[in-house]
Amino acid sequence: MISLLSAFAIAGCGSGGNDTSTNSSGKPRVVNISDYSFKPEAITVPVGTKVTFVNHDSTAHTATSKQQGAFGTEPIQPGDSATITLSRPGTFAYYCVFHPFMKGTVKVE
């Protein structure tokens, strides 16, 4: 399992569903990558939340912020995952560098 920590925020790529609920339990949030989309496509989390991207596709993906230097995962191989920590507030759009049509958003409050 690939595990990455970021001092910044991350968001995912794709066309999955939306989930704007806040996770106040302190438990990690999961964004699944399947069918070339991030599911959920949009999430809202408190500052300090860990988000894990799990790749269920048969090809590698990334979750890379569109904001220069904010965050980015290494390639996540099929069946692997990458975890980041969202440590600053803001709304961050992200995408997959291999498949730029995959897009997502994370709002950190």
Protein backbone atom coordinates (compact mmCIF):
# COMPACT_ATOMS: atom_id res chain seq x y z
CA MET A 1 0.00 0.00 0.00
CA ILE A 2 1.32 3.39 -0.93
CA SER A 3 0.82 5.84 1.89
CA LEU A 4 1.52 9.53 1.42
CA LEU A 5 1.10 12.42 3.82
CA SER A 6 0.72 15.97 2.60
CA ALA A 7 1.03 19.18 4.57
CA PHE A 8 -1.65 20.53 2.31
CA ALA A 9 -5.02 19.45 0.95
CA ILE A 10 -6.03 16.97 -1.72
CA ALA A 11 -8.97 16.31 -3.90
CA GLY A 12 -9.84 13.57 -6.40
CA CYS A 13 -10.56 13.08 -10.09
CA GLY A 14 -13.70 11.70 -11.60
CA SER A 15 -17.36 11.83 -12.27
CA GLY A 16 -18.68 9.94 -9.26
CA GLY A 17 -21.44 11.02 -6.90
CA ASN A 18 -21.32 13.94 -4.49
CA ASP A 19 -20.90 13.69 -0.74
CA THR A 20 -20.84 16.97 1.11
CA SER A 21 -21.13 15.52 4.61
CA THR A 22 -18.52 16.44 7.18
CA ASN A 23 -16.63 13.74 9.02
CA SER A 24 -16.38 14.99 12.59
CA SER A 25 -15.59 11.54 14.02
CA GLY A 26 -11.89 11.83 13.22
CA LYS A 27 -12.07 8.65 11.13
CA PRO A 28 -10.31 8.65 7.77
CA ARG A 29 -12.42 9.38 4.72
CA VAL A 30 -12.24 7.10 1.68
CA VAL A 31 -12.50 8.14 -1.95
CA ASN A 32 -12.84 5.13 -4.24
CA ILE A 33 -11.44 5.23 -7.74
CA SER A 34 -13.43 3.04 -10.13
CA ASP A 35 -14.71 3.26 -13.68
CA TYR A 36 -12.26 6.13 -14.22
CA SER A 37 -13.94 8.37 -11.65
CA PHE A 38 -13.56 9.49 -8.05
CA LYS A 39 -16.41 8.36 -5.80
CA PRO A 40 -17.58 10.53 -4.21
CA GLU A 41 -16.53 13.28 -6.59
CA ALA A 42 -16.87 16.02 -3.95
CA ILE A 43 -16.29 15.81 -0.19
CA THR A 44 -16.25 18.23 2.72
CA VAL A 45 -14.01 17.44 5.68
CA PRO A 46 -12.61 19.19 8.76
CA VAL A 47 -9.00 20.37 8.84
CA GLY A 48 -6.73 17.50 9.87
CA THR A 49 -8.76 14.75 8.20
CA LYS A 50 -6.92 11.92 6.46
CA VAL A 51 -8.31 11.00 3.05
CA THR A 52 -7.46 7.64 1.49
CA PHE A 53 -7.77 7.12 -2.25
CA VAL A 54 -8.37 3.44 -3.12
CA ASN A 55 -7.81 2.35 -6.73
CA HIS A 56 -10.30 -0.30 -7.91
CA ASP A 57 -9.48 0.18 -11.61
CA SER A 58 -7.10 -1.90 -13.73
CA THR A 59 -4.76 1.04 -14.41
CA ALA A 60 -2.78 3.50 -12.26
CA HIS A 61 -4.26 6.87 -11.21
CA THR A 62 -3.21 9.92 -9.22
CA ALA A 63 -5.01 12.55 -7.15
CA THR A 64 -3.25 15.80 -7.97
CA SER A 65 -4.31 19.29 -6.91
CA LYS A 66 -4.85 21.87 -9.63
CA GLN A 67 -3.37 24.47 -7.22
CA GLN A 68 0.39 24.55 -7.77
CA GLY A 69 2.19 22.76 -4.93
CA ALA A 70 -0.89 22.04 -2.83
CA PHE A 71 -0.78 18.21 -3.00
CA GLY A 72 -0.43 15.19 -5.21
CA THR A 73 -0.16 11.45 -4.81
CA GLU A 74 2.35 9.19 -6.49
CA PRO A 75 0.74 6.86 -9.02
CA ILE A 76 -1.72 4.59 -7.21
CA GLN A 77 -1.44 1.13 -8.75
CA PRO A 78 -4.50 -1.13 -9.21
CA GLY A 79 -5.54 -2.54 -5.82
CA ASP A 80 -3.39 -0.02 -3.88
CA SER A 81 -4.21 3.15 -1.99
CA ALA A 82 -2.65 6.48 -1.01
CA THR A 83 -3.48 8.50 2.10
CA ILE A 84 -3.03 12.25 2.54
CA THR A 85 -3.72 14.60 5.45
CA LEU A 86 -5.72 17.76 4.74
CA SER A 87 -4.18 20.35 7.02
CA ARG A 88 -5.31 23.72 5.68
CA PRO A 89 -8.77 25.11 4.93
CA GLY A 90 -9.91 25.82 1.41
CA THR A 91 -11.59 24.30 -1.60
CA PHE A 92 -9.25 22.23 -3.75
CA ALA A 93 -9.98 20.90 -7.22
CA TYR A 94 -7.99 17.84 -8.25
CA TYR A 95 -7.58 15.44 -11.17
CA CYS A 96 -5.69 12.36 -12.36
CA VAL A 97 -2.52 13.27 -14.30
CA PHE A 98 -2.91 10.15 -16.46
CA HIS A 99 -6.61 10.76 -17.16
CA PRO A 100 -7.27 14.54 -16.92
CA PHE A 101 -11.01 14.04 -17.49
CA MET A 102 -11.13 12.49 -13.99
CA LYS A 103 -11.89 15.36 -11.60
CA GLY A 104 -12.90 15.93 -8.01
CA THR A 105 -13.14 18.54 -5.29
CA VAL A 106 -12.42 18.55 -1.59
CA LYS A 107 -13.55 21.32 0.73
CA VAL A 108 -11.56 21.56 3.97
CA GLU A 109 -13.23 23.53 6.78
